[in-house]
């Protein structure tokens, strides 16, 4: 099951945006925790990405994904691009 959605828009440089809606959690602590978990994983992929704007949107349940499953899910998103 996917907990993230990826949209890509052309751009001259690589830019990654992480969006976590209040629909995921009303608490900013939880939304920020999701962002903090995703950022270091994305840094591994940035060197291999084509210039574009990558907009990652968290879906409900993303706060429960941790560790290897989170890495695998984000890797799968970037392989599709």
PDB file of N, CA and C in Angstrom:
ATOM      1  N   UNK A   1       0.853  -1.181   0.000  1.00  0.00           N
ATOM      2  CA  UNK A   1       0.000   0.000   0.000  1.00  0.00           C
ATOM      3  C   UNK A   1       0.893   1.237   0.000  1.00  0.00           C
ATOM      4  N   UNK A   2       0.563   2.183  -0.838  1.00  0.00           N
ATOM      5  CA  UNK A   2       1.393   3.378  -0.918  1.00  0.00           C
ATOM      6  C   UNK A   2       0.878   4.444   0.041  1.00  0.00           C
ATOM      7  N   UNK A   3       1.819   5.071   0.718  1.00  0.00           N
ATOM      8  CA  UNK A   3       1.479   6.127   1.669  1.00  0.00           C
ATOM      9  C   UNK A   3       1.929   7.487   1.172  1.00  0.00           C
ATOM     10  N   UNK A   4       2.489   7.523  -0.047  1.00  0.00           N
ATOM     11  CA  UNK A   4       2.957   8.775  -0.623  1.00  0.00           C
ATOM     12  C   UNK A   4       2.576   8.834  -2.092  1.00  0.00           C
ATOM     13  N   UNK A   5       2.426  10.051  -2.584  1.00  0.00           N
ATOM     14  CA  UNK A   5       2.084  10.301  -3.973  1.00  0.00           C
ATOM     15  C   UNK A   5       3.136  11.253  -4.518  1.00  0.00           C
ATOM     16  N   UNK A   6       3.559  11.062  -5.756  1.00  0.00           N
ATOM     17  CA  UNK A   6       4.606  11.893  -6.349  1.00  0.00           C
ATOM     18  C   UNK A   6       4.084  12.568  -7.607  1.00  0.00           C
ATOM     19  N   UNK A   7       4.224  13.888  -7.654  1.00  0.00           N
ATOM     20  CA  UNK A   7       3.914  14.655  -8.858  1.00  0.00           C
ATOM     21  C   UNK A   7       5.205  15.286  -9.342  1.00  0.00           C
ATOM     22  N   UNK A   8       5.376  15.353 -10.671  1.00  0.00           N
ATOM     23  CA  UNK A   8       6.605  15.893 -11.253  1.00  0.00           C
ATOM     24  C   UNK A   8       6.241  16.981 -12.247  1.00  0.00           C
ATOM     25  N   UNK A   9       6.950  18.097 -12.160  1.00  0.00           N
ATOM     26  CA  UNK A   9       6.759  19.211 -13.068  1.00  0.00           C
ATOM     27  C   UNK A   9       8.126  19.631 -13.587  1.00  0.00           C
ATOM     28  N   UNK A  10       8.241  19.927 -14.860  1.00  0.00           N
ATOM     29  CA  UNK A  10       9.540  20.268 -15.435  1.00  0.00           C
ATOM     30  C   UNK A  10      10.083  21.569 -14.845  1.00  0.00           C
ATOM     31  N   UNK A  11      11.421  21.604 -14.729  1.00  0.00           N
ATOM     32  CA  UNK A  11      12.109  22.744 -14.149  1.00  0.00           C
ATOM     33  C   UNK A  11      13.580  22.649 -14.550  1.00  0.00           C
ATOM     34  N   UNK A  12      14.301  23.775 -14.574  1.00  0.00           N
ATOM     35  CA  UNK A  12      15.729  23.705 -14.932  1.00  0.00           C
ATOM     36  C   UNK A  12      16.606  23.123 -13.820  1.00  0.00           C
ATOM     37  N   UNK A  13      16.106  23.061 -12.596  1.00  0.00           N
ATOM     38  CA  UNK A  13      16.875  22.507 -11.484  1.00  0.00           C
ATOM     39  C   UNK A  13      16.055  21.462 -10.737  1.00  0.00           C
ATOM     40  N   UNK A  14      16.729  20.686  -9.911  1.00  0.00           N
ATOM     41  CA  UNK A  14      16.048  19.690  -9.084  1.00  0.00           C
ATOM     42  C   UNK A  14      15.567  20.368  -7.809  1.00  0.00           C
ATOM     43  N   UNK A  15      14.289  20.198  -7.521  1.00  0.00           N
ATOM     44  CA  UNK A  15      13.718  20.727  -6.292  1.00  0.00           C
ATOM     45  C   UNK A  15      12.729  19.698  -5.764  1.00  0.00           C
ATOM     46  N   UNK A  16      12.796  19.414  -4.464  1.00  0.00           N
ATOM     47  CA  UNK A  16      11.903  18.440  -3.846  1.00  0.00           C
ATOM     48  C   UNK A  16      11.072  19.141  -2.786  1.00  0.00           C
ATOM     49  N   UNK A  17       9.764  18.963  -2.874  1.00  0.00           N
ATOM     50  CA  UNK A  17       8.829  19.561  -1.926  1.00  0.00           C
ATOM     51  C   UNK A  17       8.077  18.429  -1.239  1.00  0.00           C
ATOM     52  N   UNK A  18       8.000  18.488   0.081  1.00  0.00           N
ATOM     53  CA  UNK A  18       7.290  17.474   0.861  1.00  0.00           C
ATOM     54  C   UNK A  18       6.070  18.135   1.497  1.00  0.00           C
ATOM     55  N   UNK A  19       4.904  17.597   1.210  1.00  0.00           N
ATOM     56  CA  UNK A  19       3.669  18.152   1.748  1.00  0.00           C
ATOM     57  C   UNK A  19       2.977  17.125   2.631  1.00  0.00           C
ATOM     58  N   UNK A  20       2.642  17.552   3.858  1.00  0.00           N
ATOM     59  CA  UNK A  20       1.899  16.697   4.773  1.00  0.00           C
ATOM     60  C   UNK A  20       0.693  17.505   5.251  1.00  0.00           C
ATOM     61  N   UNK A  21      -0.466  17.088   4.846  1.00  0.00           N
ATOM     62  CA  UNK A  21      -1.702  17.811   5.117  1.00  0.00           C
ATOM     63  C   UNK A  21      -2.177  17.618   6.555  1.00  0.00           C
ATOM     64  N   UNK A  22      -3.051  18.516   6.974  1.00  0.00           N
ATOM     65  CA  UNK A  22      -3.691  18.368   8.286  1.00  0.00           C
ATOM     66  C   UNK A  22      -4.663  17.195   8.295  1.00  0.00           C
ATOM     67  N   UNK A  23      -4.983  16.661   7.122  1.00  0.00           N
ATOM     68  CA  UNK A  23      -5.821  15.470   7.064  1.00  0.00           C
ATOM     69  C   UNK A  23      -5.076  14.265   7.644  1.00  0.00           C
ATOM     70  N   UNK A  24      -3.759  14.299   7.570  1.00  0.00           N
ATOM     71  CA  UNK A  24      -2.941  13.226   8.128  1.00  0.00           C
ATOM     72  C   UNK A  24      -3.006  13.281   9.651  1.00  0.00           C
ATOM     73  N   UNK A  25      -2.757  14.470  10.196  1.00  0.00           N
ATOM     74  CA  UNK A  25      -2.830  14.669  11.642  1.00  0.00           C
ATOM     75  C   UNK A  25      -3.011  16.154  11.920  1.00  0.00           C
ATOM     76  N   UNK A  26      -3.788  16.465  12.894  1.00  0.00           N
ATOM     77  CA  UNK A  26      -3.969  17.864  13.296  1.00  0.00           C
ATOM     78  C   UNK A  26      -2.739  18.382  14.034  1.00  0.00           C
ATOM     79  N   UNK A  27      -1.910  17.472  14.553  1.00  0.00           N
ATOM     80  CA  UNK A  27      -0.751  17.859  15.344  1.00  0.00           C
ATOM     81  C   UNK A  27       0.462  18.120  14.452  1.00  0.00           C
ATOM     82  N   UNK A  28       1.046  19.309  14.599  1.00  0.00           N
ATOM     83  CA  UNK A  28       2.220  19.677  13.808  1.00  0.00           C
ATOM     84  C   UNK A  28       3.408  18.771  14.115  1.00  0.00           C
ATOM     85  N   UNK A  29       3.467  18.256  15.322  1.00  0.00           N
ATOM     86  CA  UNK A  29       4.570  17.372  15.718  1.00  0.00           C
ATOM     87  C   UNK A  29       4.600  16.131  14.826  1.00  0.00           C
ATOM     88  N   UNK A  30       3.459  15.563  14.566  1.00  0.00           N
ATOM     89  CA  UNK A  30       3.384  14.357  13.744  1.00  0.00           C
ATOM     90  C   UNK A  30       3.669  14.680  12.287  1.00  0.00           C
ATOM     91  N   UNK A  31       3.126  15.782  11.789  1.00  0.00           N
ATOM     92  CA  UNK A  31       3.389  16.172  10.401  1.00  0.00           C
ATOM     93  C   UNK A  31       4.873  16.446  10.182  1.00  0.00           C
ATOM     94  N   UNK A  32       5.512  17.124  11.128  1.00  0.00           N
ATOM     95  CA  UNK A  32       6.941  17.408  11.012  1.00  0.00           C
ATOM     96  C   UNK A  32       7.776  16.141  11.135  1.00  0.00           C
ATOM     97  N   UNK A  33       7.331  15.203  11.935  1.00  0.00           N
ATOM     98  CA  UNK A  33       8.056  13.931  12.072  1.00  0.00           C
ATOM     99  C   UNK A  33       8.091  13.194  10.739  1.00  0.00           C
ATOM    100  N   UNK A  34       6.994  13.214  10.001  1.00  0.00           N
ATOM    101  CA  UNK A  34       6.954  12.576   8.681  1.00  0.00           C
ATOM    102  C   UNK A  34       7.965  13.249   7.762  1.00  0.00           C
ATOM    103  N   UNK A  35       7.984  14.570   7.746  1.00  0.00           N
ATOM    104  CA  UNK A  35       8.953  15.301   6.905  1.00  0.00           C
ATOM    105  C   UNK A  35      10.395  14.963   7.290  1.00  0.00           C
ATOM    106  N   UNK A  36      10.669  14.909   8.597  1.00  0.00           N
ATOM    107  CA  UNK A  36      12.032  14.602   9.061  1.00  0.00           C
ATOM    108  C   UNK A  36      12.459  13.196   8.681  1.00  0.00           C
ATOM    109  N   UNK A  37      11.551  12.270   8.602  1.00  0.00           N
ATOM    110  CA  UNK A  37      11.886  10.907   8.188  1.00  0.00           C
ATOM    111  C   UNK A  37      12.126  10.817   6.689  1.00  0.00           C
ATOM    112  N   UNK A  38      11.408  11.614   5.921  1.00  0.00           N
ATOM    113  CA  UNK A  38      11.494  11.530   4.461  1.00  0.00           C
ATOM    114  C   UNK A  38      12.731  12.252   3.918  1.00  0.00           C
ATOM    115  N   UNK A  39      13.092  13.384   4.493  1.00  0.00           N
ATOM    116  CA  UNK A  39      14.200  14.196   3.971  1.00  0.00           C
ATOM    117  C   UNK A  39      15.516  13.440   3.783  1.00  0.00           C
ATOM    118  N   UNK A  40      16.038  12.734   4.780  1.00  0.00           N
ATOM    119  CA  UNK A  40      17.329  12.055   4.571  1.00  0.00           C
ATOM    120  C   UNK A  40      17.270  10.963   3.514  1.00  0.00           C
ATOM    121  N   UNK A  41      16.126  10.344   3.348  1.00  0.00           N
ATOM    122  CA  UNK A  41      15.982   9.310   2.328  1.00  0.00           C
ATOM    123  C   UNK A  41      16.033   9.937   0.943  1.00  0.00           C
ATOM    124  N   UNK A  42      15.403  11.085   0.793  1.00  0.00           N
ATOM    125  CA  UNK A  42      15.381  11.770  -0.497  1.00  0.00           C
ATOM    126  C   UNK A  42      16.774  12.250  -0.885  1.00  0.00           C
ATOM    127  N   UNK A  43      17.584  12.635   0.091  1.00  0.00           N
ATOM    128  CA  UNK A  43      18.942  13.096  -0.200  1.00  0.00           C
ATOM    129  C   UNK A  43      19.755  12.039  -0.934  1.00  0.00           C
ATOM    130  N   UNK A  44      19.468  10.767  -0.676  1.00  0.00           N
ATOM    131  CA  UNK A  44      20.162   9.682  -1.360  1.00  0.00           C
ATOM    132  C   UNK A  44      19.798   9.637  -2.842  1.00  0.00           C
ATOM    133  N   UNK A  45      18.585  10.035  -3.190  1.00  0.00           N
ATOM    134  CA  UNK A  45      18.097   9.943  -4.565  1.00  0.00           C
ATOM    135  C   UNK A  45      18.340  11.200  -5.393  1.00  0.00           C
ATOM    136  N   UNK A  46      18.598  12.333  -4.763  1.00  0.00           N
ATOM    137  CA  UNK A  46      18.670  13.608  -5.476  1.00  0.00           C
ATOM    138  C   UNK A  46      19.730  13.597  -6.582  1.00  0.00           C
ATOM    139  N   UNK A  47      20.865  12.977  -6.346  1.00  0.00           N
ATOM    140  CA  UNK A  47      21.929  12.986  -7.351  1.00  0.00           C
ATOM    141  C   UNK A  47      21.526  12.238  -8.625  1.00  0.00           C
ATOM    142  N   UNK A  48      20.574  11.319  -8.532  1.00  0.00           N
ATOM    143  CA  UNK A  48      20.151  10.533  -9.692  1.00  0.00           C
ATOM    144  C   UNK A  48      18.918  11.098 -10.390  1.00  0.00           C
ATOM    145  N   UNK A  49      18.342  12.167  -9.868  1.00  0.00           N
ATOM    146  CA  UNK A  49      17.105  12.710 -10.431  1.00  0.00           C
ATOM    147  C   UNK A  49      17.387  13.668 -11.579  1.00  0.00           C
ATOM    148  N   UNK A  50      16.480  13.676 -12.534  1.00  0.00           N
ATOM    149  CA  UNK A  50      16.546  14.633 -13.638  1.00  0.00           C
ATOM    150  C   UNK A  50      16.045  15.981 -13.131  1.00  0.00           C
ATOM    151  N   UNK A  51      16.479  17.083 -13.741  1.00  0.00           N
ATOM    152  CA  UNK A  51      15.998  18.405 -13.304  1.00  0.00           C
ATOM    153  C   UNK A  51      14.476  18.513 -13.431  1.00  0.00           C
ATOM    154  N   UNK A  52      13.828  18.751 -12.322  1.00  0.00           N
ATOM    155  CA  UNK A  52      12.373  18.895 -12.261  1.00  0.00           C
ATOM    156  C   UNK A  52      11.997  19.264 -10.837  1.00  0.00           C
ATOM    157  N   UNK A  53      10.731  19.595 -10.650  1.00  0.00           N
ATOM    158  CA  UNK A  53      10.193  19.828  -9.316  1.00  0.00           C
ATOM    159  C   UNK A  53       9.448  18.555  -8.923  1.00  0.00           C
ATOM    160  N   UNK A  54       9.857  17.949  -7.822  1.00  0.00           N
ATOM    161  CA  UNK A  54       9.253  16.718  -7.321  1.00  0.00           C
ATOM    162  C   UNK A  54       8.423  17.075  -6.098  1.00  0.00           C
ATOM    163  N   UNK A  55       7.139  16.847  -6.192  1.00  0.00           N
ATOM    164  CA  UNK A  55       6.194  17.207  -5.133  1.00  0.00           C
ATOM    165  C   UNK A  55       5.690  15.920  -4.488  1.00  0.00           C
ATOM    166  N   UNK A  56       6.147  15.643  -3.273  1.00  0.00           N
ATOM    167  CA  UNK A  56       5.767  14.427  -2.559  1.00  0.00           C
ATOM    168  C   UNK A  56       4.649  14.767  -1.581  1.00  0.00           C
ATOM    169  N   UNK A  57       3.536  14.063  -1.709  1.00  0.00           N
ATOM    170  CA  UNK A  57       2.380  14.291  -0.850  1.00  0.00           C
ATOM    171  C   UNK A  57       2.163  13.045  -0.002  1.00  0.00           C
ATOM    172  N   UNK A  58       2.095  13.232   1.310  1.00  0.00           N
ATOM    173  CA  UNK A  58       1.841  12.119   2.230  1.00  0.00           C
ATOM    174  C   UNK A  58       0.351  11.811   2.258  1.00  0.00           C
ATOM    175  N   UNK A  59       0.039  10.536   2.292  1.00  0.00           N
ATOM    176  CA  UNK A  59      -1.344  10.076   2.397  1.00  0.00           C
ATOM    177  C   UNK A  59      -1.609   9.596   3.821  1.00  0.00           C
ATOM    178  N   UNK A  60      -2.867   9.426   4.186  1.00  0.00           N
ATOM    179  CA  UNK A  60      -3.169   8.918   5.523  1.00  0.00           C
ATOM    180  C   UNK A  60      -2.486   7.568   5.769  1.00  0.00           C
ATOM    181  N   UNK A  61      -1.925   7.430   6.939  1.00  0.00           N
ATOM    182  CA  UNK A  61      -1.195   6.224   7.292  1.00  0.00           C
ATOM    183  C   UNK A  61       0.308   6.388   7.157  1.00  0.00           C
ATOM    184  N   UNK A  62       0.758   7.499   6.573  1.00  0.00           N
ATOM    185  CA  UNK A  62       2.187   7.740   6.375  1.00  0.00           C
ATOM    186  C   UNK A  62       2.928   7.881   7.696  1.00  0.00           C
ATOM    187  N   UNK A  63       2.220   8.274   8.735  1.00  0.00           N
ATOM    188  CA  UNK A  63       2.870   8.442  10.037  1.00  0.00           C
ATOM    189  C   UNK A  63       3.251   7.096  10.661  1.00  0.00           C
ATOM    190  N   UNK A  64       2.673   6.021  10.168  1.00  0.00           N
ATOM    191  CA  UNK A  64       2.948   4.697  10.725  1.00  0.00           C
ATOM    192  C   UNK A  64       4.088   3.975  10.015  1.00  0.00           C
ATOM    193  N   UNK A  65       4.481   4.462   8.831  1.00  0.00           N
ATOM    194  CA  UNK A  65       5.532   3.807   8.055  1.00  0.00           C
ATOM    195  C   UNK A  65       6.892   4.213   8.601  1.00  0.00           C
ATOM    196  N   UNK A  66       7.756   3.242   8.846  1.00  0.00           N
ATOM    197  CA  UNK A  66       9.072   3.524   9.410  1.00  0.00           C
ATOM    198  C   UNK A  66      10.128   2.639   8.766  1.00  0.00           C
ATOM    199  N   UNK A  67      11.369   3.030   8.932  1.00  0.00           N
ATOM    200  CA  UNK A  67      12.521   2.208   8.591  1.00  0.00           C
ATOM    201  C   UNK A  67      12.599   1.771   7.147  1.00  0.00           C
ATOM    202  N   UNK A  68      12.897   0.493   6.970  1.00  0.00           N
ATOM    203  CA  UNK A  68      13.139  -0.083   5.644  1.00  0.00           C
ATOM    204  C   UNK A  68      11.910   0.047   4.743  1.00  0.00           C
ATOM    205  N   UNK A  69      10.722  -0.104   5.286  1.00  0.00           N
ATOM    206  CA  UNK A  69       9.515  -0.007   4.451  1.00  0.00           C
ATOM    207  C   UNK A  69       9.343   1.401   3.894  1.00  0.00           C
ATOM    208  N   UNK A  70       9.741   2.423   4.658  1.00  0.00           N
ATOM    209  CA  UNK A  70       9.672   3.798   4.175  1.00  0.00           C
ATOM    210  C   UNK A  70      10.678   4.017   3.055  1.00  0.00           C
ATOM    211  N   UNK A  71      11.886   3.517   3.221  1.00  0.00           N
ATOM    212  CA  UNK A  71      12.916   3.634   2.185  1.00  0.00           C
ATOM    213  C   UNK A  71      12.466   2.930   0.914  1.00  0.00           C
ATOM    214  N   UNK A  72      11.926   1.724   1.049  1.00  0.00           N
ATOM    215  CA  UNK A  72      11.470   0.964  -0.114  1.00  0.00           C
ATOM    216  C   UNK A  72      10.335   1.667  -0.845  1.00  0.00           C
ATOM    217  N   UNK A  73       9.418   2.240  -0.088  1.00  0.00           N
ATOM    218  CA  UNK A  73       8.275   2.921  -0.709  1.00  0.00           C
ATOM    219  C   UNK A  73       8.707   4.165  -1.487  1.00  0.00           C
ATOM    220  N   UNK A  74       9.605   4.957  -0.900  1.00  0.00           N
ATOM    221  CA  UNK A  74      10.085   6.153  -1.606  1.00  0.00           C
ATOM    222  C   UNK A  74      10.960   5.772  -2.801  1.00  0.00           C
ATOM    223  N   UNK A  75      11.735   4.710  -2.680  1.00  0.00           N
ATOM    224  CA  UNK A  75      12.545   4.241  -3.807  1.00  0.00           C
ATOM    225  C   UNK A  75      11.639   3.823  -4.957  1.00  0.00           C
ATOM    226  N   UNK A  76      10.550   3.167  -4.650  1.00  0.00           N
ATOM    227  CA  UNK A  76       9.597   2.748  -5.679  1.00  0.00           C
ATOM    228  C   UNK A  76       8.973   3.954  -6.382  1.00  0.00           C
ATOM    229  N   UNK A  77       8.681   5.005  -5.628  1.00  0.00           N
ATOM    230  CA  UNK A  77       8.125   6.223  -6.230  1.00  0.00           C
ATOM    231  C   UNK A  77       9.091   6.828  -7.244  1.00  0.00           C
ATOM    232  N   UNK A  78      10.363   6.917  -6.861  1.00  0.00           N
ATOM    233  CA  UNK A  78      11.342   7.534  -7.747  1.00  0.00           C
ATOM    234  C   UNK A  78      11.722   6.641  -8.917  1.00  0.00           C
ATOM    235  N   UNK A  79      11.539   5.330  -8.814  1.00  0.00           N
ATOM    236  CA  UNK A  79      11.802   4.437  -9.939  1.00  0.00           C
ATOM    237  C   UNK A  79      10.764   4.628 -11.035  1.00  0.00           C
ATOM    238  N   UNK A  80       9.554   4.982 -10.663  1.00  0.00           N
ATOM    239  CA  UNK A  80       8.476   5.184 -11.629  1.00  0.00           C
ATOM    240  C   UNK A  80       8.706   6.395 -12.513  1.00  0.00           C
ATOM    241  N   UNK A  81       9.501   7.345 -12.033  1.00  0.00           N
ATOM    242  CA  UNK A  81       9.712   8.594 -12.774  1.00  0.00           C
ATOM    243  C   UNK A  81      10.581   8.370 -13.969  1.00  0.00           C
TER     244      UNK A  81
END
